[in-house]
Amino acid sequence: MNPIIRTTELQDFLRSAQSPVLLHVLPEEHFAQQHLPGAKNACIYETACLDKVREMGLDPETPIVVYGEGEPSLDS
């Protein structure tokens, strides 16, 4: 799958049978101010980021769409 998806592709993906988990990777303060509906948060800048994702108990078969600030940022 392409590492970058467009808004229309995401909308289609969210409506699909295998809807992805949305993972917002910016700090909690940013998440509290603005995030996509239903998204989960694990800040990529924290050393515990992967632990937080594991604690979410996600099904390994469920696709994950990771998003952050957008281009040209490399956070996601």
Protein backbone atom coordinates (compact mmCIF):
# COMPACT_ATOMS: atom_id res chain seq x y z
CA MET A 1 0.00 0.00 0.00
CA ASN A 2 1.13 3.53 -0.73
CA PRO A 3 2.57 5.14 2.42
CA ILE A 4 0.70 8.36 1.66
CA ILE A 5 -3.04 8.35 1.05
CA ARG A 6 -5.27 11.21 -0.02
CA THR A 7 -8.44 12.35 1.74
CA THR A 8 -10.75 10.61 -0.72
CA GLU A 9 -8.80 7.35 -0.35
CA LEU A 10 -9.08 7.60 3.44
CA GLN A 11 -12.82 8.23 3.24
CA ASP A 12 -13.23 5.12 1.08
CA PHE A 13 -10.99 3.11 3.42
CA LEU A 14 -13.04 4.19 6.46
CA ARG A 15 -16.22 2.98 4.75
CA SER A 16 -14.69 -0.38 3.79
CA ALA A 17 -15.32 -3.70 5.50
CA GLN A 18 -11.87 -3.55 7.06
CA SER A 19 -12.01 -0.01 8.41
CA PRO A 20 -8.63 1.13 9.80
CA VAL A 21 -7.71 2.51 13.19
CA LEU A 22 -6.68 6.15 12.94
CA LEU A 23 -3.53 6.86 14.96
CA HIS A 24 -2.70 10.50 15.68
CA VAL A 25 1.04 10.70 16.48
CA LEU A 26 1.39 14.26 17.76
CA PRO A 27 1.47 15.28 21.46
CA GLU A 28 -1.66 14.93 23.61
CA GLU A 29 -2.12 18.71 23.69
CA HIS A 30 -2.41 18.77 19.90
CA PHE A 31 -4.71 15.74 19.95
CA ALA A 32 -6.98 17.46 22.49
CA GLN A 33 -7.26 20.52 20.25
CA GLN A 34 -7.68 18.79 16.90
CA HIS A 35 -7.96 15.21 15.69
CA LEU A 36 -9.99 13.10 13.33
CA PRO A 37 -13.17 11.61 14.82
CA GLY A 38 -12.52 8.23 16.41
CA ALA A 39 -8.74 8.60 16.31
CA LYS A 40 -6.45 7.23 19.01
CA ASN A 41 -3.34 9.04 20.23
CA ALA A 42 0.23 7.88 20.76
CA CYS A 43 2.85 10.63 20.48
CA ILE A 44 5.74 9.55 18.29
CA TYR A 45 8.05 11.92 20.19
CA GLU A 46 7.63 9.97 23.44
CA THR A 47 9.78 6.94 24.21
CA ALA A 48 6.65 5.09 25.36
CA CYS A 49 4.90 5.51 21.99
CA LEU A 50 5.04 1.84 20.99
CA ASP A 51 4.01 0.78 24.50
CA LYS A 52 0.94 3.03 24.23
CA VAL A 53 0.03 1.45 20.90
CA ARG A 54 0.43 -2.06 22.38
CA GLU A 55 -1.77 -1.08 25.36
CA MET A 56 -4.56 -0.18 22.92
CA GLY A 57 -5.03 -3.91 22.34
CA LEU A 58 -5.50 -3.52 18.61
CA ASP A 59 -6.21 -6.58 16.52
CA PRO A 60 -3.01 -7.33 14.55
CA GLU A 61 -5.15 -7.83 11.44
CA THR A 62 -6.67 -4.34 11.65
CA PRO A 63 -4.99 -1.80 9.36
CA ILE A 64 -3.64 1.37 10.97
CA VAL A 65 -3.56 4.78 9.33
CA VAL A 66 -0.93 6.92 11.04
CA TYR A 67 -1.22 10.68 10.70
CA GLY A 68 0.41 13.80 12.07
CA GLU A 69 1.11 17.34 10.97
CA GLY A 70 1.25 16.57 7.25
CA GLU A 71 3.74 17.42 4.58
CA PRO A 72 6.63 18.24 4.88
CA SER A 73 6.71 16.99 8.49
CA LEU A 74 8.08 13.48 9.03
CA ASP A 75 6.20 12.72 12.28
CA SER A 76 3.85 10.17 10.75
